[in-house]
Amino acid sequence: MALHKRPKPMPSDNDFSWDALLEAVRAEFPDLYRRWFEELPSATLEGGELLVFVDDDAKLRFLRDSCSAAFIQTAMALTGHLISVRFVSLPNADQVSVASNAPSILTQASLYADYTFEQFVVGPSNRLAHAACRAVCGQPGSLYNPLFIHGYSGLGKTHLLQATCSEILERDSSAKVLYISCEAFVNDFVRAIENGKLTQFRESARQVNALVIDDVQFLANRESSQEELFHTFNVLHQSGKQIILSADSPPTEIPTLEDRLISRFNWGLVTQIDPPNRETRQAILHKKAHLRGCEIPDELLDFIAGCVESNVRLLEGALTKLISETQIGGKPMTLETARDVLAHFDGRPTRTLQVSEILEAVSKHFSVRLPDLVGRKRSRSISHPRQIGMYLARKLTPLSLEEIGVHFGGRDHSTVLHAERVIEATRLKKKDTSDALSQLTNQLLAHR
């Protein structure tokens, strides 16, 4: 008679260690790990499901969007069982989601958990912009209105804008704060015209306490959108509501921007963020390493600061690569390792890829009309390119699942996640899909 081993019982909260799970996530996924994981209120394991309670909506979105697979994989490795992981918000959490305050007809961008004033490193290159944002939080609509921040990509404009939104909401949870990319504002405006919802769009944009628009250089060559923003600006400004804008150049240098908009953007404070000096770059690296729970020798951080001179985003990427190579690749945390893994970094700034560029490239590659890509047609000739586009948006942009879904006709995050998984599986099996992805990726990155 064959003998069968008795299966191991499903682990429960009594024999499950949350600290051990966090340590494993930190070791296996250093690019995702954040020190604030250790400050999460609680976690329980019962019946094969790990419930992780979160008291901040920005952190909740980060965990759900970026960390689910990492926590599931680690939990199963520790327990030897199939474990599901669910991140849930505390019923009485003090933090209020910006999205819950934002009108539904407009595409509210999510706030990133790491983008707070506490995580922003102040130096000579950004001191005025930082001080202005902190001042605005204390007296929205009265001190610097509008506040216009400009500078090259990757220098911290988005970080400051999101930190300001979070701080305003921290001080007044009932405030209506609309944080939106200019691209989304334009797309929502066009969609409102097409669907006969222009009145709702205007009411949504003009009934907020603070309007925060990122990357307003997207208004270039868009006359109708400029007209709409002009009138929205006037209504909000006359009502004493705060307006904050960012761009990669000052108002006068945005191509084809109307003079009346340039005039209004200059009404308040226009301030520039410059590339950080070496000392500031090293301080940024210290802050980023601490956020991820890593202790890195000063000489290595100084080496990275010397390699990447102009872009904070590339600076963080260089740090992530070093952490991954040492914690996952098993290389020693030495100056020689730093030289080896960062040899290709030249510090040149790159422009963030827009979903509109991905849509256009996919449309041309597969000969599919743009309206069909973001529409409701489900035929294979449409759905496959659409999933390709979602996959590329996940890999080539920093947007969340929800934000990508909005760009693809208002689809929810589960649709985008499904598309990513389908294309990832198809890529490994079908050469034509793999070739299409390679060609499109190379094309899009070349344009950056």
Protein backbone atom coordinates (compact mmCIF):
# COMPACT_ATOMS: atom_id res chain seq x y z
CA MET A 1 0.00 0.00 0.00
CA ALA A 2 1.35 3.40 -0.96
CA LEU A 3 1.94 5.79 1.88
CA HIS A 4 0.78 9.36 1.45
CA LYS A 5 2.23 12.26 3.34
CA ARG A 6 -0.28 14.27 5.31
CA PRO A 7 -0.54 17.73 3.72
CA LYS A 8 0.78 20.63 5.73
CA PRO A 9 -2.06 22.57 7.39
CA MET A 10 -2.89 25.98 5.98
CA PRO A 11 -0.93 28.57 8.00
CA SER A 12 -2.86 30.92 10.25
CA ASP A 13 -2.10 34.20 11.93
CA ASN A 14 -0.49 32.37 14.85
CA ASP A 15 2.36 30.88 12.81
CA PHE A 16 2.75 33.63 10.20
CA SER A 17 5.39 36.33 10.59
CA TRP A 18 4.65 39.70 8.97
CA ASP A 19 8.19 40.85 9.74
CA ALA A 20 9.62 37.82 7.92
CA LEU A 21 7.42 38.56 4.91
CA LEU A 22 8.59 42.18 4.77
CA GLU A 23 12.22 41.12 5.04
CA ALA A 24 11.72 38.67 2.16
CA VAL A 25 10.02 41.33 0.00
CA ARG A 26 12.90 43.67 0.77
CA ALA A 27 15.45 41.04 -0.31
CA GLU A 28 13.64 39.79 -3.43
CA PHE A 29 12.08 43.04 -4.67
CA PRO A 30 14.34 45.92 -3.60
CA ASP A 31 12.96 48.20 -6.31
CA LEU A 32 9.46 47.93 -4.80
CA TYR A 33 10.26 47.88 -1.11
CA ARG A 34 9.53 51.03 0.91
CA ARG A 35 10.49 51.68 4.52
CA TRP A 36 6.91 52.72 5.30
CA PHE A 37 5.83 49.10 4.74
CA GLU A 38 7.00 48.59 8.34
CA GLU A 39 4.56 51.28 9.53
CA LEU A 40 1.43 49.72 8.03
CA PRO A 41 -1.27 49.35 10.73
CA SER A 42 -1.66 45.57 10.63
CA ALA A 43 -1.87 42.41 8.55
CA THR A 44 -3.71 39.13 9.20
CA LEU A 45 -3.58 35.70 7.55
CA GLU A 46 -6.65 33.51 7.69
CA GLY A 47 -7.98 30.85 5.36
CA GLY A 48 -5.24 31.36 2.79
CA GLU A 49 -5.84 35.09 2.42
CA LEU A 50 -3.44 37.73 3.68
CA LEU A 51 -5.22 40.98 4.49
CA VAL A 52 -2.94 44.01 4.67
CA PHE A 53 -4.56 47.12 6.15
CA VAL A 54 -3.47 50.52 4.87
CA ASP A 55 -4.32 53.95 6.33
CA ASP A 56 -3.35 56.12 3.35
CA ASP A 57 -4.98 56.05 -0.08
CA ALA A 58 -1.81 56.93 -2.01
CA LYS A 59 0.03 54.05 -0.32
CA LEU A 60 -2.93 51.78 -0.96
CA ARG A 61 -2.81 52.51 -4.70
CA PHE A 62 0.95 51.91 -4.80
CA LEU A 63 0.56 48.53 -3.08
CA ARG A 64 -2.34 47.42 -5.27
CA ASP A 65 -0.85 48.62 -8.55
CA SER A 66 2.78 47.67 -8.08
CA CYS A 67 3.23 45.20 -5.22
CA SER A 68 0.47 42.56 -5.36
CA ALA A 69 2.48 40.00 -7.32
CA ALA A 70 5.57 40.54 -5.13
CA PHE A 71 3.65 39.98 -1.90
CA ILE A 72 1.82 36.93 -3.26
CA GLN A 73 5.02 35.31 -4.51
CA THR A 74 6.84 35.98 -1.25
CA ALA A 75 3.96 34.82 0.96
CA MET A 76 3.68 31.53 -0.97
CA ALA A 77 7.44 30.98 -0.75
CA LEU A 78 7.39 31.49 3.03
CA THR A 79 4.33 29.34 3.75
CA GLY A 80 4.52 26.71 1.03
CA HIS A 81 0.83 27.27 0.27
CA LEU A 82 -1.25 29.13 -2.26
CA ILE A 83 -1.84 32.52 -0.68
CA SER A 84 -3.90 35.42 -1.95
CA VAL A 85 -3.09 38.95 -0.86
CA ARG A 86 -5.57 41.78 -0.50
CA PHE A 87 -4.71 45.37 0.41
CA VAL A 88 -7.63 47.10 2.10
CA SER A 89 -8.23 50.59 3.41
CA LEU A 90 -8.98 51.10 7.08
CA PRO A 91 -12.65 52.10 7.53
CA ASN A 92 -11.79 55.26 9.45
CA ALA A 93 -8.58 56.25 7.73
CA ASP A 94 -7.74 59.91 8.17
CA GLN A 95 -6.28 60.31 4.69
CA VAL A 96 -8.73 61.29 1.98
CA SER A 97 -8.22 60.24 -1.60
CA VAL A 98 -7.95 63.08 -4.07
CA ALA A 99 -9.97 61.00 -6.50
CA SER A 100 -12.91 60.89 -4.08
CA ASN A 101 -13.00 64.68 -4.09
CA ALA A 102 -12.54 65.09 -7.82
CA PRO A 103 -15.45 65.33 -10.26
CA SER A 104 -15.98 62.03 -12.06
CA ILE A 105 -16.10 63.50 -15.58
CA LEU A 106 -12.44 64.54 -15.32
CA THR A 107 -9.54 62.13 -15.26
CA GLN A 108 -8.08 62.56 -11.79
CA ALA A 109 -4.45 61.40 -11.67
CA SER A 110 -3.43 59.32 -8.68
CA LEU A 111 -1.10 60.67 -6.04
CA TYR A 112 2.10 58.68 -5.61
CA ALA A 113 2.85 57.57 -2.06
CA ASP A 114 6.52 58.61 -2.27
CA TYR A 115 5.76 62.14 -3.47
CA THR A 116 5.51 64.05 -0.19
CA PHE A 117 7.29 67.12 1.15
CA GLU A 118 9.12 64.87 3.61
CA GLN A 119 10.68 62.93 0.71
CA PHE A 120 11.57 66.05 -1.31
CA VAL A 121 15.19 67.15 -1.00
CA VAL A 122 15.58 70.93 -1.02
CA GLY A 123 18.66 72.52 -2.59
CA PRO A 124 19.69 75.73 -4.34
CA SER A 125 18.13 74.54 -7.61
CA ASN A 126 14.59 74.12 -6.25
CA ARG A 127 14.43 76.14 -3.02
CA LEU A 128 12.07 78.86 -4.29
CA ALA A 129 9.66 76.41 -5.94
CA HIS A 130 9.56 74.30 -2.77
CA ALA A 131 8.98 77.32 -0.53
CA ALA A 132 6.19 78.59 -2.79
CA CYS A 133 4.40 75.22 -2.72
CA ARG A 134 4.62 75.04 1.08
CA ALA A 135 3.28 78.59 1.33
CA VAL A 136 0.37 77.80 -0.99
CA CYS A 137 -0.65 74.93 1.28
CA GLY A 138 -1.04 77.37 4.16
CA GLN A 139 -3.06 79.95 2.26
CA PRO A 140 -4.51 78.45 -0.95
CA GLY A 141 -5.67 81.03 -3.47
CA SER A 142 -4.18 84.07 -1.75
CA LEU A 143 -0.37 84.07 -1.85
CA TYR A 144 0.88 82.84 -5.23
CA ASN A 145 -2.01 82.44 -7.61
CA PRO A 146 -1.32 81.07 -10.08
CA LEU A 147 1.89 79.27 -9.20
CA PHE A 148 3.77 78.22 -12.35
CA ILE A 149 6.75 75.84 -12.01
CA HIS A 150 8.92 75.01 -15.00
CA GLY A 151 12.06 72.99 -15.68
CA TYR A 152 13.39 70.02 -17.63
CA SER A 153 11.81 66.59 -17.22
CA GLY A 154 12.88 64.60 -14.18
CA LEU A 155 13.78 67.48 -11.86
CA GLY A 156 10.91 67.15 -9.38
CA LYS A 157 8.01 69.24 -10.71
CA THR A 158 5.50 66.41 -10.44
CA HIS A 159 6.80 65.52 -6.98
CA LEU A 160 6.18 69.08 -5.78
CA LEU A 161 2.71 69.27 -7.34
CA GLN A 162 1.62 65.98 -5.78
CA ALA A 163 3.12 66.88 -2.41
CA THR A 164 1.15 70.13 -2.49
CA CYS A 165 -2.10 68.30 -3.27
CA SER A 166 -1.50 65.85 -0.42
CA GLU A 167 -0.68 68.63 2.04
CA ILE A 168 -3.78 70.67 1.12
CA LEU A 169 -5.94 67.59 1.71
CA GLU A 170 -4.10 66.80 4.94
CA ARG A 171 -4.98 70.25 6.26
CA ASP A 172 -8.56 70.20 4.96
CA SER A 173 -10.00 66.80 4.07
CA SER A 174 -13.13 68.43 2.63
CA ALA A 175 -11.16 70.41 0.02
CA LYS A 176 -11.84 69.56 -3.61
CA VAL A 177 -8.45 69.18 -5.29
CA LEU A 178 -8.24 68.33 -8.98
CA TYR A 179 -4.80 67.03 -9.94
CA ILE A 180 -4.70 66.21 -13.64
CA SER A 181 -2.21 65.99 -16.49
CA CYS A 182 -2.71 68.51 -19.28
CA GLU A 183 -3.01 65.65 -21.75
CA ALA A 184 -5.90 64.19 -19.75
CA PHE A 185 -7.53 67.64 -19.47
CA VAL A 186 -7.42 68.03 -23.26
CA ASN A 187 -8.66 64.50 -23.89
CA ASP A 188 -11.51 64.90 -21.40
CA PHE A 189 -12.47 68.19 -23.04
CA VAL A 190 -12.59 66.59 -26.51
CA ARG A 191 -14.57 63.65 -25.16
CA ALA A 192 -17.03 66.00 -23.45
CA ILE A 193 -17.66 67.79 -26.75
CA GLU A 194 -18.19 64.50 -28.58
CA ASN A 195 -20.59 63.18 -25.93
CA GLY A 196 -22.52 66.40 -25.43
CA LYS A 197 -21.26 66.82 -21.87
CA LEU A 198 -19.48 70.15 -22.17
CA THR A 199 -21.61 71.73 -19.44
CA GLN A 200 -20.75 68.92 -17.02
CA PHE A 201 -17.08 69.25 -17.93
CA ARG A 202 -17.07 72.97 -17.17
CA GLU A 203 -18.92 72.50 -13.88
CA SER A 204 -16.45 69.78 -12.88
CA ALA A 205 -13.38 71.87 -13.66
CA ARG A 206 -14.68 75.08 -12.10
CA GLN A 207 -16.13 73.80 -8.81
CA VAL A 208 -12.84 72.86 -7.17
CA ASN A 209 -10.79 74.52 -4.46
CA ALA A 210 -7.52 73.86 -6.24
CA LEU A 211 -6.79 73.08 -9.89
CA VAL A 212 -3.36 71.49 -10.41
CA ILE A 213 -2.33 70.75 -14.02
CA ASP A 214 0.93 69.00 -14.90
CA ASP A 215 2.78 69.48 -18.22
CA VAL A 216 0.79 72.42 -19.67
CA GLN A 217 3.17 72.50 -22.65
CA PHE A 218 0.70 69.93 -24.01
CA LEU A 219 -1.55 72.90 -24.84
CA ALA A 220 0.71 73.79 -27.79
CA ASN A 221 -1.26 73.92 -31.07
CA ARG A 222 -4.56 73.21 -29.29
CA GLU A 223 -6.62 76.36 -29.75
CA SER A 224 -9.96 75.10 -28.41
CA SER A 225 -8.37 73.62 -25.29
CA GLN A 226 -6.54 76.89 -24.66
CA GLU A 227 -9.84 78.76 -24.97
CA GLU A 228 -11.47 76.42 -22.45
CA LEU A 229 -8.62 76.67 -19.96
CA PHE A 230 -8.62 80.46 -20.32
CA HIS A 231 -12.25 80.71 -19.17
CA THR A 232 -11.76 78.08 -16.45
CA PHE A 233 -8.75 80.02 -15.20
CA ASN A 234 -10.76 83.25 -15.02
CA VAL A 235 -13.62 81.65 -13.06
CA LEU A 236 -11.31 80.01 -10.53
CA HIS A 237 -9.04 83.02 -10.10
CA GLN A 238 -11.94 85.41 -9.57
CA SER A 239 -13.33 83.00 -6.96
CA GLY A 240 -10.05 82.93 -5.06
CA LYS A 241 -9.35 79.29 -5.88
CA GLN A 242 -5.76 78.07 -6.14
CA ILE A 243 -4.24 77.30 -9.57
CA ILE A 244 -0.90 75.48 -9.90
CA LEU A 245 0.70 74.67 -13.25
CA SER A 246 3.89 72.98 -14.42
CA ALA A 247 5.67 72.83 -17.77
CA ASP A 248 9.06 72.07 -19.25
CA SER A 249 9.51 75.74 -20.21
CA PRO A 250 8.27 79.17 -19.05
CA PRO A 251 4.90 80.40 -20.42
CA THR A 252 6.51 82.65 -23.04
CA GLU A 253 8.36 79.69 -24.60
CA ILE A 254 5.41 77.29 -25.00
CA PRO A 255 4.76 77.15 -28.78
CA THR A 256 1.56 78.82 -30.03
CA LEU A 257 0.34 79.56 -26.50
CA GLU A 258 -2.12 82.47 -26.69
CA ASP A 259 -0.92 85.82 -25.34
CA ARG A 260 -3.87 86.09 -22.97
CA LEU A 261 -2.95 82.74 -21.38
CA ILE A 262 0.71 83.75 -21.14
CA SER A 263 -0.41 86.93 -19.40
CA ARG A 264 -2.51 85.04 -16.86
CA PHE A 265 0.13 82.40 -16.19
CA ASN A 266 2.48 85.27 -15.33
CA TRP A 267 0.03 86.91 -12.92
CA GLY A 268 1.31 85.01 -9.92
CA LEU A 269 4.74 83.48 -9.33
CA VAL A 270 6.72 81.83 -12.13
CA THR A 271 9.66 79.85 -10.77
CA GLN A 272 12.18 77.52 -12.32
CA ILE A 273 13.65 74.23 -11.10
CA ASP A 274 17.22 73.70 -12.28
CA PRO A 275 19.32 70.52 -12.32
CA PRO A 276 20.57 69.78 -8.77
CA ASN A 277 24.21 70.28 -7.82
CA ARG A 278 26.36 67.36 -6.68
CA GLU A 279 25.65 67.84 -2.97
CA THR A 280 21.89 67.93 -3.58
CA ARG A 281 22.10 64.85 -5.78
CA GLN A 282 23.91 62.98 -3.04
CA ALA A 283 21.28 64.08 -0.50
CA ILE A 284 18.55 62.85 -2.86
CA LEU A 285 20.26 59.46 -3.09
CA HIS A 286 20.50 59.27 0.71
CA LYS A 287 16.77 60.00 0.95
CA LYS A 288 15.82 57.45 -1.74
CA ALA A 289 18.02 54.76 -0.20
CA HIS A 290 16.53 55.39 3.25
CA LEU A 291 13.01 55.21 1.81
CA ARG A 292 13.82 51.71 0.54
CA GLY A 293 15.40 50.65 3.80
CA CYS A 294 18.93 50.41 2.35
CA GLU A 295 22.21 51.53 3.88
CA ILE A 296 24.69 52.47 1.14
CA PRO A 297 28.20 53.81 1.80
CA ASP A 298 28.67 57.50 1.17
CA GLU A 299 31.44 56.90 -1.36
CA LEU A 300 29.04 54.90 -3.56
CA LEU A 301 26.34 57.56 -3.36
CA ASP A 302 28.90 60.22 -4.23
CA PHE A 303 30.01 58.12 -7.20
CA ILE A 304 26.44 57.84 -8.48
CA ALA A 305 25.92 61.58 -7.94
CA GLY A 306 28.98 62.18 -10.09
CA CYS A 307 27.79 59.86 -12.86
CA VAL A 308 24.25 61.23 -13.24
CA GLU A 309 24.31 65.01 -13.27
CA SER A 310 21.10 66.43 -14.67
CA ASN A 311 18.08 64.23 -14.01
CA VAL A 312 16.62 63.11 -10.68
CA ARG A 313 14.62 60.37 -12.39
CA LEU A 314 17.78 58.88 -13.91
CA LEU A 315 19.48 59.33 -10.56
CA GLU A 316 16.86 57.17 -8.88
CA GLY A 317 17.10 54.65 -11.72
CA ALA A 318 20.84 54.36 -11.19
CA LEU A 319 20.30 53.76 -7.47
CA THR A 320 17.65 51.13 -8.17
CA LYS A 321 19.99 49.31 -10.52
CA LEU A 322 22.76 49.25 -7.94
CA ILE A 323 20.42 47.96 -5.21
CA SER A 324 19.02 45.27 -7.50
CA GLU A 325 22.44 44.07 -8.61
CA THR A 326 23.71 43.80 -5.05
CA GLN A 327 20.63 42.41 -3.30
CA ILE A 328 19.35 40.15 -6.08
CA GLY A 329 22.44 39.64 -8.23
CA GLY A 330 24.61 38.91 -5.19
CA LYS A 331 27.33 41.40 -6.10
CA PRO A 332 29.21 43.12 -3.27
CA MET A 333 28.27 46.68 -2.32
CA THR A 334 31.57 48.15 -3.47
CA LEU A 335 32.79 51.00 -5.62
CA GLU A 336 33.91 48.47 -8.24
CA THR A 337 30.36 47.10 -8.45
CA ALA A 338 28.97 50.63 -8.76
CA ARG A 339 31.35 51.36 -11.63
CA ASP A 340 30.36 48.12 -13.34
CA VAL A 341 26.57 48.43 -13.14
CA LEU A 342 26.41 52.18 -13.88
CA ALA A 343 28.88 52.27 -16.75
CA HIS A 344 26.17 53.09 -19.33
CA PHE A 345 24.65 56.02 -17.41
CA ASP A 346 25.57 59.32 -19.07
CA GLY A 347 23.13 61.60 -17.24
CA ARG A 348 21.27 62.84 -20.31
CA PRO A 349 17.67 63.74 -19.47
CA THR A 350 14.86 61.84 -21.20
CA ARG A 351 11.33 62.98 -21.89
CA THR A 352 8.47 61.05 -20.35
CA LEU A 353 6.59 59.08 -22.98
CA GLN A 354 2.92 60.01 -23.43
CA VAL A 355 0.13 57.46 -23.91
CA SER A 356 -1.04 59.46 -26.92
CA GLU A 357 2.28 58.66 -28.62
CA ILE A 358 1.82 54.96 -27.90
CA LEU A 359 -1.71 55.04 -29.29
CA GLU A 360 -0.54 56.77 -32.44
CA ALA A 361 2.33 54.32 -32.98
CA VAL A 362 0.09 51.26 -32.42
CA SER A 363 -2.56 52.74 -34.71
CA LYS A 364 -0.08 53.13 -37.56
CA HIS A 365 1.62 49.78 -37.00
CA PHE A 366 -1.61 47.77 -37.08
CA SER A 367 -3.52 50.10 -39.46
CA VAL A 368 -6.26 50.62 -36.88
CA ARG A 369 -8.13 53.90 -36.42
CA LEU A 370 -7.45 55.73 -33.15
CA PRO A 371 -11.19 55.94 -32.28
CA ASP A 372 -11.39 52.14 -32.58
CA LEU A 373 -8.42 51.62 -30.26
CA VAL A 374 -10.13 53.55 -27.48
CA GLY A 375 -13.64 52.46 -28.49
CA ARG A 376 -15.79 49.47 -27.57
CA LYS A 377 -15.22 47.17 -30.55
CA ARG A 378 -14.08 43.69 -29.47
CA SER A 379 -13.05 42.05 -32.72
CA ARG A 380 -9.63 40.38 -32.72
CA SER A 381 -8.28 42.92 -35.24
CA ILE A 382 -9.04 45.69 -32.72
CA SER A 383 -8.67 44.05 -29.30
CA HIS A 384 -5.17 42.67 -29.96
CA PRO A 385 -3.64 46.06 -30.92
CA ARG A 386 -5.51 47.63 -28.00
CA GLN A 387 -3.93 45.12 -25.61
CA ILE A 388 -0.53 45.77 -27.22
CA GLY A 389 -1.01 49.47 -26.49
CA MET A 390 -1.97 48.84 -22.86
CA TYR A 391 1.04 46.54 -22.45
CA LEU A 392 3.40 49.19 -23.83
CA ALA A 393 1.85 51.86 -21.61
CA ARG A 394 2.53 49.66 -18.58
CA LYS A 395 6.14 49.07 -19.59
CA LEU A 396 7.09 52.50 -20.93
CA THR A 397 5.20 54.98 -18.72
CA PRO A 398 4.95 55.51 -14.95
CA LEU A 399 1.13 55.59 -15.06
CA SER A 400 -1.03 53.40 -12.84
CA LEU A 401 -3.46 50.77 -14.14
CA GLU A 402 -6.39 53.16 -13.59
CA GLU A 403 -4.69 56.04 -15.43
CA ILE A 404 -3.86 53.84 -18.42
CA GLY A 405 -7.43 52.54 -18.51
CA VAL A 406 -8.74 56.09 -18.75
CA HIS A 407 -6.60 56.76 -21.84
CA PHE A 408 -8.04 53.62 -23.46
CA GLY A 409 -11.66 54.70 -23.37
CA GLY A 410 -12.31 54.70 -19.63
CA ARG A 411 -11.58 51.02 -18.99
CA ASP A 412 -11.02 49.84 -15.43
CA HIS A 413 -7.73 48.67 -13.95
CA SER A 414 -8.60 44.96 -14.21
CA THR A 415 -8.91 45.26 -18.01
CA VAL A 416 -5.44 46.79 -18.28
CA LEU A 417 -3.97 44.15 -15.97
CA HIS A 418 -5.60 41.39 -18.05
CA ALA A 419 -4.19 42.90 -21.25
CA GLU A 420 -0.71 43.02 -19.73
CA ARG A 421 -0.87 39.35 -18.75
CA VAL A 422 -2.27 38.25 -22.12
CA ILE A 423 0.40 40.05 -24.14
CA GLU A 424 3.18 38.86 -21.83
CA ALA A 425 2.07 35.25 -22.39
CA THR A 426 1.55 35.75 -26.12
CA ARG A 427 4.94 37.41 -26.52
CA LEU A 428 6.67 34.24 -25.36
CA LYS A 429 4.73 32.02 -27.76
CA LYS A 430 4.24 34.03 -30.94
CA LYS A 431 7.10 35.60 -32.85
CA ASP A 432 4.93 38.17 -34.65
CA THR A 433 3.76 39.60 -31.32
CA SER A 434 7.32 39.66 -29.99
CA ASP A 435 8.57 41.36 -33.15
CA ALA A 436 5.78 43.94 -33.04
CA LEU A 437 6.58 44.77 -29.42
CA SER A 438 10.29 45.12 -30.16
CA GLN A 439 9.68 47.33 -33.17
CA LEU A 440 7.19 49.58 -31.38
CA THR A 441 9.36 49.83 -28.26
CA ASN A 442 12.45 50.79 -30.22
CA GLN A 443 10.45 53.33 -32.23
CA LEU A 444 8.91 54.95 -29.14
CA LEU A 445 12.14 55.06 -27.15
CA ALA A 446 14.00 56.52 -30.12
CA HIS A 447 11.54 59.41 -30.20
CA ARG A 448 12.21 60.09 -26.50
